[in-house]
Amino acid sequence: MLKKFLLALCALILIFAQVALANNAKPEHEIIILYTNDVHCGVESQNNLGYAGLAYYRDEMLKLTPYVTLVDAGDAVQGDLIGAISNGRYIIEIMNACSYDIAVPGNHEFDYDMPQFFNSAKNLNCGYISCNFRDANNNLIFKPYKIFNYNNIKVAFIGICTPASLTTSTPTFFMNEQGEYIYDFDGDLTGKKLYNSVQDAVNKARQEGADFIIAVAHLGEEVPVNQLQWSALRVAANTRGIDVIIDGHSHELTPCLKVKNLDSQDVIITQTGTKFKTFGKLTINTQGEISTQLITQVSSKDLKVDKVIKDIKSRYEAEINEPIAYTSFDLIAVDENNKWLVRAGETNLCNFVADAILYDSISRVKELQAIDSRDIAAFINAGNIRKTLKTGALSYASALSVSPFGNTLLAAQVSGQTILDELELAAAAMPKNSGGFLHVANMTFTIDARVSTSVQLDEHNIFIGVKENAERRIKDAKINNKAIEPDKIYIVITSNYVLRDHGDGHRFQDAKFIVQDYETVADATAHYMKALKFIPEKYKVCENRITIIK
């Protein structure tokens, strides 16, 4: 029966690839490594592809071989209600129930601030590894790797964090009170610091007798142009000795991608998508050959892990799921293939959230009520919008699932020139996706994507300025239907992440704060829902607040 089960299971595998290695290491039993990445709080999925299904599959593999290891390549604790409401603590509980052996911090592991990150690291039973996460004294925060001994075979797992964490989480979390970075991820504009740190960890692991080197990395393959030097592709090509990179960060389905390393040997790169669309299985067979698979269906769930998830959900679901509004149409964040729409163009959901920020701030904050609202604009960065809202009842849980980070709202005086500069930064990645893309309320503008970006960034990908006399992508920018005047002072309202903490590289360098941290983005969205009761038909389609010339 077990053999029939496994044959049926193999039929559900997305793809299979195999590489024979040159070191001739041959284990007495198959070594199976199950892997996840970018779960983003998607604890349950279709076809039992959640944590409970993963735990069940792991136990099935243990019936075949004593050598089964479970690893995660980052971005587990953030992305939906279950993480936001507990600052990631509930996800750590579930991962412990699954008995993970290896984990690497993704950039979103830092989203709940550094004290909470280190609390999570302490509570995660397997802990974290990273060969490039350092403190102000250049000391590694965690061990760079772990070596597992499968009887006569040693496999080293090397952790790699993306240097983009400094801007794709909250930059000020990595700074001291003087604005100086006290943490680093070996990120420079050439990538050499990262490659050297990875190579150093590989060399030391080999010296300790590692037969195989598996990098568990949160780097990504298809990444923004300013992160290319830190991609898994570049790391593989600029190092030697890595056999496989189990990757994350870019949410790609990568069953098996081969890249030549410095010795012209193949390195396998693999990634499972996001939110348990699949999970991965890496096998080192008794001939020393490596295969990678993406699992798309599991026949059952582990009952203990399933109970942990149900118990956690019961703690909070009833109260926050009470309906507060209704919508007769979807409010869109992604397309039918679960690809981001919000990161490269206008959607009705982003307009709704931006309007909610503007409405709730003006109606509830006394410091803003004396100001002429015609000179006030609201922004929301695309990375703050995480989930489509489907037709039907809306609740506080709905608002929190859209904006789960706990980011707070701020209002500040800024010059028109600063607004124009920040819009230029927001459009710099076009046509590629960017979490720093800005959506607006009481404002319109055009992006001419035919124009090459002239944005300049520092070594941490923080905005410096726009090249002098260069043509700009942003055209016809207006607040309240009037052209933005560079020397005029306006009021902008947005999250702490963008306005104060340099998130996604934004700077707003001349900002003078009027009021800070008065409510969260999710609270403002929920208040707007409750005030409306029924979402107006005007949100059924986009309003051309952002026009894109492709």
Protein backbone atom coordinates (compact mmCIF):
# COMPACT_ATOMS: atom_id res chain seq x y z
CA MET A 1 0.00 0.00 0.00
CA LEU A 2 2.81 2.39 0.84
CA LYS A 3 4.46 1.72 -2.53
CA LYS A 4 1.19 2.46 -4.34
CA PHE A 5 0.75 5.65 -2.31
CA LEU A 6 4.21 6.88 -3.21
CA LEU A 7 3.78 6.06 -6.89
CA ALA A 8 0.55 8.03 -6.94
CA LEU A 9 2.22 10.88 -5.12
CA CYS A 10 5.02 11.02 -7.65
CA ALA A 11 2.45 11.49 -10.41
CA LEU A 12 1.52 14.79 -8.78
CA ILE A 13 5.03 16.15 -8.88
CA LEU A 14 5.34 19.30 -10.98
CA ILE A 15 8.73 18.53 -12.47
CA PHE A 16 11.80 16.41 -11.81
CA ALA A 17 15.45 17.12 -12.49
CA GLN A 18 18.64 15.28 -11.67
CA VAL A 19 22.32 16.12 -11.57
CA ALA A 20 25.17 13.70 -10.95
CA LEU A 21 27.86 15.15 -8.71
CA ALA A 22 31.59 14.75 -9.05
CA ASN A 23 32.47 14.08 -5.42
CA ASN A 24 31.25 10.45 -5.52
CA ALA A 25 29.68 10.66 -2.04
CA LYS A 26 27.08 7.87 -1.79
CA PRO A 27 24.73 7.69 1.20
CA GLU A 28 23.51 4.30 2.41
CA HIS A 29 19.92 5.61 2.37
CA GLU A 30 18.35 8.41 0.39
CA ILE A 31 18.64 11.84 2.00
CA ILE A 32 15.42 13.82 1.61
CA ILE A 33 15.26 17.56 2.22
CA LEU A 34 11.82 19.15 2.21
CA TYR A 35 11.77 22.91 1.72
CA THR A 36 9.46 25.91 1.89
CA ASN A 37 9.93 29.58 1.10
CA ASP A 38 7.78 32.72 1.21
CA VAL A 39 4.89 31.03 2.99
CA HIS A 40 3.81 34.54 4.06
CA CYS A 41 1.36 33.21 6.67
CA GLY A 42 -0.40 30.98 4.11
CA VAL A 43 -0.61 28.23 6.72
CA GLU A 44 -3.31 26.31 4.83
CA SER A 45 -3.63 25.84 1.09
CA GLN A 46 -5.42 23.75 -1.51
CA ASN A 47 -4.68 20.03 -1.87
CA ASN A 48 -3.45 19.86 1.75
CA LEU A 49 -0.43 21.98 0.82
CA GLY A 50 -0.18 23.75 4.17
CA TYR A 51 1.96 23.13 7.21
CA ALA A 52 -0.18 20.16 8.30
CA GLY A 53 0.14 18.55 4.88
CA LEU A 54 3.89 19.18 4.86
CA ALA A 55 4.24 17.50 8.26
CA TYR A 56 2.23 14.50 7.01
CA TYR A 57 4.40 14.19 3.92
CA ARG A 58 7.54 14.38 6.04
CA ASP A 59 6.31 11.46 8.14
CA GLU A 60 5.59 9.46 4.96
CA MET A 61 9.16 10.06 3.80
CA LEU A 62 10.48 8.86 7.16
CA LYS A 63 8.92 5.46 6.40
CA LEU A 64 11.32 5.22 3.45
CA THR A 65 14.51 6.67 4.91
CA PRO A 66 15.72 7.82 8.32
CA TYR A 67 17.29 10.89 6.70
CA VAL A 68 14.61 13.57 6.30
CA THR A 69 15.30 17.25 6.96
CA LEU A 70 12.91 20.22 6.81
CA VAL A 71 14.14 23.71 5.88
CA ASP A 72 12.62 27.15 5.27
CA ALA A 73 14.13 29.89 3.08
CA GLY A 74 12.45 32.89 4.71
CA ASP A 75 9.41 35.19 4.75
CA ALA A 76 7.27 32.90 6.87
CA VAL A 77 5.97 35.16 9.65
CA GLN A 78 4.40 38.04 7.69
CA GLY A 79 1.76 38.36 5.00
CA ASP A 80 -1.65 37.70 6.51
CA LEU A 81 -3.78 38.07 9.59
CA ILE A 82 -2.33 35.19 11.59
CA GLY A 83 1.09 36.81 11.50
CA ALA A 84 0.02 40.43 11.86
CA ILE A 85 -2.16 39.89 14.91
CA SER A 86 0.64 38.09 16.78
CA ASN A 87 3.74 39.85 15.39
CA GLY A 88 4.71 36.52 13.85
CA ARG A 89 4.49 34.53 17.09
CA TYR A 90 1.74 32.18 15.85
CA ILE A 91 3.77 31.21 12.80
CA ILE A 92 6.74 30.36 14.99
CA GLU A 93 4.45 28.10 17.04
CA ILE A 94 3.32 26.30 13.90
CA MET A 95 6.85 25.92 12.54
CA ASN A 96 7.90 24.41 15.87
CA ALA A 97 4.99 21.98 15.66
CA CYS A 98 6.30 20.95 12.22
CA SER A 99 9.81 20.42 13.66
CA TYR A 100 11.78 22.51 11.18
CA ASP A 101 15.51 21.77 11.21
CA ILE A 102 16.86 24.82 9.33
CA ALA A 103 15.53 28.34 8.76
CA VAL A 104 16.91 31.52 7.22
CA PRO A 105 15.52 35.02 7.85
CA GLY A 106 13.79 36.59 4.87
CA ASN A 107 13.52 40.35 4.63
CA HIS A 108 9.99 40.24 6.08
CA GLU A 109 11.11 38.39 9.21
CA PHE A 110 12.28 41.84 10.36
CA ASP A 111 8.95 43.62 9.80
CA TYR A 112 7.85 43.59 13.44
CA ASP A 113 11.04 45.42 14.60
CA MET A 114 14.36 44.03 15.79
CA PRO A 115 13.42 43.15 19.40
CA GLN A 116 10.53 41.06 18.09
CA PHE A 117 12.76 39.49 15.43
CA PHE A 118 15.28 38.36 18.04
CA ASN A 119 12.44 37.11 20.23
CA SER A 120 11.20 35.01 17.30
CA ALA A 121 14.72 33.74 16.65
CA LYS A 122 14.98 32.67 20.29
CA ASN A 123 11.59 30.94 20.24
CA LEU A 124 12.08 29.14 16.92
CA ASN A 125 13.37 25.76 18.03
CA CYS A 126 15.76 25.30 15.11
CA GLY A 127 16.91 28.93 15.22
CA TYR A 128 18.23 30.83 12.20
CA ILE A 129 21.44 30.57 10.22
CA SER A 130 23.05 33.24 8.03
CA CYS A 131 26.54 33.74 6.66
CA ASN A 132 26.03 37.46 5.92
CA PHE A 133 23.90 39.03 8.67
CA ARG A 134 26.23 41.12 10.85
CA ASP A 135 26.22 43.56 13.74
CA ALA A 136 27.96 46.93 14.01
CA ASN A 137 31.25 45.20 14.88
CA ASN A 138 31.08 43.07 11.72
CA ASN A 139 30.36 39.95 13.76
CA LEU A 140 27.89 37.39 12.44
CA ILE A 141 24.59 37.38 14.35
CA PHE A 142 23.96 33.67 13.74
CA LYS A 143 26.02 30.65 12.80
CA PRO A 144 26.77 30.74 9.07
CA TYR A 145 25.90 27.08 8.52
CA LYS A 146 24.91 23.79 10.12
CA ILE A 147 26.29 20.40 9.18
CA PHE A 148 24.02 17.37 9.37
CA ASN A 149 25.65 13.96 9.55
CA TYR A 150 23.60 11.30 7.79
CA ASN A 151 25.69 8.35 8.98
CA ASN A 152 28.58 8.38 6.48
CA ILE A 153 27.56 11.54 4.62
CA LYS A 154 27.83 15.15 5.79
CA VAL A 155 25.56 17.82 4.31
CA ALA A 156 26.19 21.47 5.14
CA PHE A 157 23.32 23.96 5.03
CA ILE A 158 24.53 27.55 4.54
CA GLY A 159 22.15 30.42 5.28
CA ILE A 160 22.09 33.51 3.04
CA CYS A 161 19.93 36.62 3.61
CA THR A 162 19.20 39.17 0.92
CA PRO A 163 21.08 42.46 1.42
CA ALA A 164 17.90 44.09 0.13
CA SER A 165 16.47 43.51 3.62
CA LEU A 166 17.80 46.94 4.59
CA THR A 167 15.26 48.66 2.35
CA THR A 168 12.57 46.05 1.72
CA SER A 169 11.89 45.73 5.43
CA THR A 170 11.98 48.94 7.49
CA PRO A 171 15.39 50.65 7.15
CA THR A 172 15.27 52.44 10.51
CA PHE A 173 14.93 49.09 12.30
CA PHE A 174 18.54 48.46 11.29
CA MET A 175 19.76 51.87 12.52
CA ASN A 176 20.64 53.45 15.84
CA GLU A 177 19.10 56.70 17.09
CA GLN A 178 21.64 58.71 15.09
CA GLY A 179 20.48 57.12 11.84
CA GLU A 180 23.61 54.99 11.48
CA TYR A 181 23.30 51.40 10.30
CA ILE A 182 24.19 48.98 13.09
CA TYR A 183 23.32 45.86 11.08
CA ASP A 184 24.52 44.81 7.66
CA PHE A 185 23.98 41.99 5.14
CA ASP A 186 27.25 42.33 3.20
CA GLY A 187 25.54 44.24 0.45
CA ASP A 188 27.63 46.39 -1.85
CA LEU A 189 26.91 47.57 -5.38
CA THR A 190 29.20 44.94 -6.93
CA GLY A 191 27.97 41.95 -4.91
CA LYS A 192 31.53 40.97 -4.05
CA LYS A 193 31.09 41.28 -0.29
CA LEU A 194 28.21 38.83 -0.44
CA TYR A 195 30.04 36.40 -2.71
CA ASN A 196 33.07 36.47 -0.41
CA SER A 197 30.97 35.76 2.69
CA VAL A 198 29.22 32.88 0.97
CA GLN A 199 32.50 31.47 -0.32
CA ASP A 200 34.08 31.72 3.12
CA ALA A 201 31.20 29.70 4.63
CA VAL A 202 31.44 27.11 1.83
CA ASN A 203 35.19 26.72 2.31
CA LYS A 204 34.88 26.27 6.07
CA ALA A 205 32.09 23.74 5.69
CA ARG A 206 34.17 21.76 3.17
CA GLN A 207 37.12 21.86 5.57
CA GLU A 208 34.85 20.31 8.21
CA GLY A 209 34.20 17.43 5.85
CA ALA A 210 30.96 18.41 4.13
CA ASP A 211 30.25 16.13 1.19
CA PHE A 212 27.41 18.30 -0.10
CA ILE A 213 26.75 22.03 0.23
CA ILE A 214 23.16 23.25 0.15
CA ALA A 215 22.60 27.00 0.40
CA VAL A 216 19.28 27.97 1.97
CA ALA A 217 18.93 31.47 0.60
CA HIS A 218 16.47 34.35 0.50
CA LEU A 219 17.81 36.03 -2.64
CA GLY A 220 15.49 35.53 -5.61
CA GLU A 221 16.15 35.03 -9.30
CA GLU A 222 13.91 37.58 -11.07
CA VAL A 223 14.61 40.63 -8.90
CA PRO A 224 14.68 44.43 -9.41
CA VAL A 225 17.67 45.71 -11.34
CA ASN A 226 19.20 47.28 -8.22
CA GLN A 227 19.23 43.85 -6.54
CA LEU A 228 20.60 41.79 -9.44
CA GLN A 229 24.08 41.55 -7.93
CA TRP A 230 22.55 39.80 -4.91
CA SER A 231 20.38 37.34 -6.84
CA ALA A 232 20.74 33.58 -6.48
CA LEU A 233 21.89 33.50 -10.11
CA ARG A 234 24.83 35.81 -9.42
CA VAL A 235 25.75 34.10 -6.15
CA ALA A 236 25.84 30.72 -7.91
CA ALA A 237 27.91 32.12 -10.81
CA ASN A 238 30.42 33.91 -8.58
CA THR A 239 31.21 31.14 -6.09
CA ARG A 240 32.42 27.54 -6.18
CA GLY A 241 31.47 24.48 -4.18
CA ILE A 242 27.70 24.97 -3.80
CA ASP A 243 25.64 22.03 -5.05
CA VAL A 244 22.12 23.45 -4.64
CA ILE A 245 20.55 26.78 -3.72
CA ILE A 246 17.13 26.44 -2.11
CA ASP A 247 15.95 29.95 -2.81
CA GLY A 248 13.20 32.40 -1.86
CA HIS A 249 12.26 36.10 -2.04
CA SER A 250 11.01 36.41 -5.64
CA HIS A 251 8.02 34.05 -5.30
CA GLU A 252 8.94 32.05 -8.38
CA LEU A 253 8.09 28.44 -9.22
CA THR A 254 11.56 27.16 -10.03
CA PRO A 255 11.69 23.35 -10.05
CA CYS A 256 15.28 23.17 -11.28
CA LEU A 257 17.36 25.93 -12.82
CA LYS A 258 21.03 25.20 -13.55
CA VAL A 259 23.72 27.88 -13.38
CA LYS A 260 27.44 27.39 -14.00
CA ASN A 261 29.68 28.32 -11.08
CA LEU A 262 33.26 29.62 -11.22
CA ASP A 263 34.48 26.09 -11.97
CA SER A 264 31.90 25.68 -14.78
CA GLN A 265 30.01 23.13 -12.68
CA ASP A 266 26.22 23.10 -12.48
CA VAL A 267 24.51 24.61 -9.44
CA ILE A 268 20.82 23.75 -9.05
CA ILE A 269 18.54 26.62 -8.03
CA THR A 270 15.03 25.78 -6.85
CA GLN A 271 12.13 27.74 -5.36
CA THR A 272 8.53 26.84 -4.47
CA GLY A 273 6.52 29.99 -5.21
CA THR A 274 4.60 31.51 -2.31
CA LYS A 275 1.85 30.71 0.21
CA PHE A 276 2.24 26.94 -0.21
CA LYS A 277 1.45 26.87 -3.89
CA THR A 278 3.91 23.97 -3.73
CA PHE A 279 6.63 22.75 -1.42
CA GLY A 280 9.93 21.26 -2.46
CA LYS A 281 11.63 17.90 -2.15
CA LEU A 282 15.35 17.52 -2.72
CA THR A 283 16.72 13.98 -2.82
CA ILE A 284 20.29 12.79 -2.65
CA ASN A 285 20.06 9.18 -3.79
CA THR A 286 22.35 6.28 -2.96
CA GLN A 287 24.42 7.05 -6.06
CA GLY A 288 25.13 10.56 -4.83
CA GLU A 289 22.83 12.16 -7.41
CA ILE A 290 20.66 15.16 -6.54
CA SER A 291 17.08 15.58 -7.75
CA THR A 292 14.60 18.36 -7.04
CA GLN A 293 10.82 18.21 -7.17
CA LEU A 294 7.93 20.54 -6.48
CA ILE A 295 5.06 18.81 -4.73
CA THR A 296 1.60 20.00 -5.78
CA GLN A 297 -0.67 17.74 -3.72
CA VAL A 298 -0.63 15.70 -0.52
CA SER A 299 -3.21 13.07 0.38
CA SER A 300 -3.74 14.00 4.04
CA LYS A 301 -2.73 16.20 6.99
CA ASP A 302 -0.83 15.70 10.20
CA LEU A 303 -3.55 15.81 12.85
CA LYS A 304 -1.38 17.34 15.59
CA VAL A 305 -0.19 20.23 13.42
CA ASP A 306 -3.70 20.72 12.07
CA LYS A 307 -4.99 21.02 15.66
CA VAL A 308 -2.29 23.60 16.50
CA ILE A 309 -3.45 25.74 13.56
CA LYS A 310 -7.14 25.39 14.45
CA ASP A 311 -6.47 26.26 18.10
CA ILE A 312 -4.55 29.39 17.11
CA LYS A 313 -7.28 30.55 14.74
CA SER A 314 -9.97 30.04 17.37
CA ARG A 315 -8.21 32.53 19.64
CA TYR A 316 -8.98 35.51 17.44
CA GLU A 317 -11.19 34.74 14.45
CA ALA A 318 -14.70 35.27 15.82
CA GLU A 319 -14.16 38.84 17.01
CA ILE A 320 -12.29 40.20 13.99
CA ASN A 321 -14.41 38.43 11.35
CA GLU A 322 -17.65 40.24 12.22
CA PRO A 323 -18.90 41.98 9.02
CA ILE A 324 -18.54 45.77 8.91
CA ALA A 325 -19.19 46.38 5.19
CA TYR A 326 -20.03 44.68 1.91
CA THR A 327 -18.71 44.82 -1.63
CA SER A 328 -20.45 43.63 -4.81
CA PHE A 329 -17.16 43.36 -6.69
CA ASP A 330 -13.56 42.33 -6.06
CA LEU A 331 -10.98 44.84 -4.87
CA ILE A 332 -7.89 43.75 -6.72
CA ALA A 333 -4.27 43.22 -5.65
CA VAL A 334 -3.25 40.31 -7.92
CA ASP A 335 -4.33 38.83 -11.23
CA GLU A 336 -5.93 35.42 -11.80
CA ASN A 337 -2.48 33.80 -11.66
CA ASN A 338 -1.71 35.41 -8.30
CA LYS A 339 0.79 37.81 -9.88
CA TRP A 340 1.07 41.30 -8.43
CA LEU A 341 -0.86 44.03 -10.21
CA VAL A 342 -0.40 46.66 -7.52
CA ARG A 343 3.36 46.92 -8.00
CA ALA A 344 3.34 48.26 -11.53
CA GLY A 345 0.03 50.03 -12.00
CA GLU A 346 -3.21 51.32 -10.54
CA THR A 347 -5.85 49.00 -9.05
CA ASN A 348 -9.19 49.72 -7.40
CA LEU A 349 -8.01 48.28 -4.08
CA CYS A 350 -5.03 50.64 -3.92
CA ASN A 351 -7.28 53.60 -4.71
CA PHE A 352 -9.63 52.47 -1.96
CA VAL A 353 -6.86 52.19 0.64
CA ALA A 354 -5.35 55.55 -0.33
CA ASP A 355 -8.80 57.15 -0.06
CA ALA A 356 -9.30 55.47 3.32
CA ILE A 357 -6.04 56.96 4.58
CA LEU A 358 -7.04 60.43 3.40
CA TYR A 359 -10.64 60.21 4.64
CA ASP A 360 -9.86 58.80 8.05
CA SER A 361 -6.91 61.11 8.69
CA ILE A 362 -8.84 64.28 7.88
CA SER A 363 -11.98 63.20 9.72
CA ARG A 364 -10.27 61.91 12.88
CA VAL A 365 -7.05 63.91 13.38
CA LYS A 366 -7.58 67.42 14.76
CA GLU A 367 -4.17 68.65 13.57
CA LEU A 368 -5.32 68.11 9.96
CA GLN A 369 -8.80 69.52 10.23
CA ALA A 370 -7.64 73.15 10.18
CA ILE A 371 -5.65 72.61 6.98
CA ASP A 372 -7.08 73.20 3.51
CA SER A 373 -7.75 69.64 2.38
CA ARG A 374 -7.28 70.64 -1.26
CA ASP A 375 -3.52 70.72 -0.65
CA ILE A 376 -3.42 67.31 1.04
CA ALA A 377 -2.53 64.06 -0.74
CA ALA A 378 -2.28 60.50 0.55
CA PHE A 379 0.11 57.78 -0.58
CA ILE A 380 0.24 54.04 -0.04
CA ASN A 381 3.20 52.00 -1.26
CA ALA A 382 2.36 48.89 -3.26
CA GLY A 383 4.28 46.63 -0.88
CA ASN A 384 1.77 47.52 1.83
CA ILE A 385 -1.06 45.98 -0.23
CA ARG A 386 -0.96 42.22 0.18
CA LYS A 387 -4.29 40.61 -0.71
CA THR A 388 -7.30 40.90 -3.02
CA LEU A 389 -10.64 41.38 -1.26
CA LYS A 390 -13.30 39.17 -2.79
CA THR A 391 -16.98 40.03 -3.34
CA GLY A 392 -19.04 39.74 -0.14
CA ALA A 393 -18.74 40.71 3.50
CA LEU A 394 -15.76 42.74 4.70
CA SER A 395 -14.42 42.76 8.26
CA TYR A 396 -11.55 44.10 10.28
CA ALA A 397 -9.79 40.87 9.32
CA SER A 398 -10.22 41.89 5.67
CA ALA A 399 -8.51 45.23 6.29
CA LEU A 400 -5.72 43.56 8.23
CA SER A 401 -5.16 40.95 5.53
CA VAL A 402 -4.67 43.77 2.99
CA SER A 403 -2.20 45.69 5.18
CA PRO A 404 -0.83 43.25 7.76
CA PHE A 405 2.37 45.07 8.74
CA GLY A 406 1.16 47.26 11.57
CA ASN A 407 2.56 50.33 9.82
CA THR A 408 1.29 53.59 11.31
CA LEU A 409 0.18 56.78 9.57
CA LEU A 410 1.99 60.11 9.63
CA ALA A 411 1.30 63.53 8.15
CA ALA A 412 4.03 65.94 7.14
CA GLN A 413 4.68 69.13 5.24
CA VAL A 414 6.83 68.57 2.14
CA SER A 415 7.71 70.60 -0.91
CA GLY A 416 6.19 69.93 -4.28
CA GLN A 417 9.69 69.12 -5.53
CA THR A 418 10.02 66.36 -2.95
CA ILE A 419 6.70 64.86 -4.08
CA LEU A 420 7.87 64.90 -7.69
CA ASP A 421 11.17 63.27 -6.71
CA GLU A 422 9.49 60.52 -4.70
CA LEU A 423 7.12 59.77 -7.57
CA GLU A 424 10.17 59.49 -9.83
CA LEU A 425 11.65 56.93 -7.44
CA ALA A 426 8.33 55.07 -7.30
CA ALA A 427 8.33 54.73 -11.09
CA ALA A 428 12.02 53.84 -11.44
CA ALA A 429 11.52 50.08 -11.75
CA MET A 430 8.84 50.27 -14.44
CA PRO A 431 7.87 48.03 -16.19
CA LYS A 432 9.07 45.65 -13.49
CA ASN A 433 7.26 45.30 -10.18
CA SER A 434 8.30 47.39 -7.20
CA GLY A 435 7.01 47.43 -3.64
CA GLY A 436 7.92 51.12 -3.61
CA PHE A 437 5.41 51.98 -6.34
CA LEU A 438 3.12 54.68 -4.92
CA HIS A 439 -0.68 54.81 -5.13
CA VAL A 440 -2.42 58.07 -4.43
CA ALA A 441 -5.54 59.91 -3.26
CA ASN A 442 -6.46 63.48 -4.31
CA MET A 443 -3.72 63.23 -6.89
CA THR A 444 -3.02 62.16 -10.49
CA PHE A 445 0.12 61.73 -12.58
CA THR A 446 1.49 60.10 -15.73
CA ILE A 447 4.47 57.75 -15.99
CA ASP A 448 6.30 57.80 -19.32
CA ALA A 449 8.03 54.42 -19.21
CA ARG A 450 9.72 55.15 -22.54
CA VAL A 451 12.07 57.48 -20.64
CA SER A 452 15.04 55.82 -18.93
CA THR A 453 15.03 56.27 -15.18
CA SER A 454 17.36 58.96 -13.87
CA VAL A 455 16.98 58.07 -10.19
CA GLN A 456 20.18 57.83 -8.15
CA LEU A 457 20.53 55.56 -5.09
CA ASP A 458 23.18 55.17 -2.41
CA GLU A 459 24.93 51.90 -1.54
CA HIS A 460 21.92 50.85 0.55
CA ASN A 461 19.45 51.58 -2.29
CA ILE A 462 18.15 54.69 -0.52
CA PHE A 463 17.09 57.56 -2.78
CA ILE A 464 19.73 60.27 -3.31
CA GLY A 465 18.16 62.32 -6.07
CA VAL A 466 17.44 62.60 -9.76
CA LYS A 467 20.22 63.30 -12.25
CA GLU A 468 20.42 66.98 -13.01
CA ASN A 469 18.86 68.05 -16.30
CA ALA A 470 17.72 64.49 -17.07
CA GLU A 471 14.30 63.93 -18.57
CA ARG A 472 11.87 62.63 -16.00
CA ARG A 473 9.39 59.79 -16.23
CA ILE A 474 6.78 61.64 -14.17
CA LYS A 475 4.61 64.01 -16.20
CA ASP A 476 1.52 66.10 -15.49
CA ALA A 477 1.48 65.49 -11.72
CA LYS A 478 -1.45 67.19 -10.01
CA ILE A 479 -2.90 67.55 -6.53
CA ASN A 480 -6.58 68.45 -6.43
CA ASN A 481 -6.50 68.80 -10.25
CA LYS A 482 -3.84 71.52 -10.09
CA ALA A 483 -0.25 71.08 -11.29
CA ILE A 484 2.19 70.43 -8.46
CA GLU A 485 4.37 73.50 -7.89
CA PRO A 486 7.94 72.56 -6.90
CA ASP A 487 8.30 75.42 -4.39
CA LYS A 488 4.86 75.08 -2.82
CA ILE A 489 4.37 73.26 0.50
CA TYR A 490 1.85 70.42 0.56
CA ILE A 491 0.66 67.97 3.19
CA VAL A 492 1.31 64.30 2.55
CA ILE A 493 -0.13 61.42 4.56
CA THR A 494 1.31 57.94 4.35
CA SER A 495 2.83 55.21 6.49
CA ASN A 496 5.88 55.44 8.73
CA TYR A 497 7.53 52.90 6.43
CA VAL A 498 7.59 55.32 3.50
CA LEU A 499 7.59 58.77 5.08
CA ARG A 500 9.95 58.33 8.02
CA ASP A 501 11.69 54.96 7.81
CA HIS A 502 13.02 55.07 4.21
CA GLY A 503 11.09 51.95 3.17
CA ASP A 504 11.76 50.83 -0.41
CA GLY A 505 14.38 53.58 -0.59
CA HIS A 506 12.00 56.53 -0.14
CA ARG A 507 13.49 59.51 1.70
CA PHE A 508 11.10 62.53 1.83
CA GLN A 509 14.16 64.44 3.00
CA ASP A 510 12.49 67.80 3.75
CA ALA A 511 9.52 66.34 5.65
CA LYS A 512 8.35 68.37 8.67
CA PHE A 513 6.01 66.19 10.70
CA ILE A 514 2.63 67.51 11.78
CA VAL A 515 1.40 64.38 13.53
CA GLN A 516 2.88 60.89 13.80
CA ASP A 517 1.75 57.33 14.49
CA TYR A 518 -1.91 58.09 15.12
CA GLU A 519 -3.34 54.83 13.69
CA THR A 520 -2.43 51.88 11.49
CA VAL A 521 -3.13 51.56 7.78
CA ALA A 522 -5.44 48.63 8.56
CA ASP A 523 -7.37 50.70 11.13
CA ALA A 524 -7.90 53.51 8.63
CA THR A 525 -9.07 51.02 6.00
CA ALA A 526 -11.50 49.37 8.43
CA HIS A 527 -12.90 52.73 9.58
CA TYR A 528 -13.54 53.72 5.95
CA MET A 529 -15.26 50.39 5.25
CA LYS A 530 -17.48 50.83 8.29
CA ALA A 531 -18.35 54.43 7.36
CA LEU A 532 -19.32 53.42 3.82
CA LYS A 533 -21.14 50.17 4.73
CA PHE A 534 -21.39 49.35 1.00
CA ILE A 535 -18.36 49.93 -1.22
CA PRO A 536 -19.42 52.49 -3.88
CA GLU A 537 -19.61 51.54 -7.53
CA LYS A 538 -16.94 54.14 -8.36
CA TYR A 539 -14.37 51.66 -7.04
CA LYS A 540 -15.50 48.98 -9.47
CA VAL A 541 -13.00 50.24 -12.02
CA CYS A 542 -9.79 52.27 -11.83
CA GLU A 543 -10.11 56.04 -12.08
CA ASN A 544 -6.97 56.76 -14.11
CA ARG A 545 -5.22 58.38 -11.21
CA ILE A 546 -2.05 56.89 -12.69
CA THR A 547 -1.60 56.90 -16.47
CA ILE A 548 1.21 54.79 -17.87
CA ILE A 549 2.76 55.36 -21.29
CA LYS A 550 4.41 52.05 -22.12
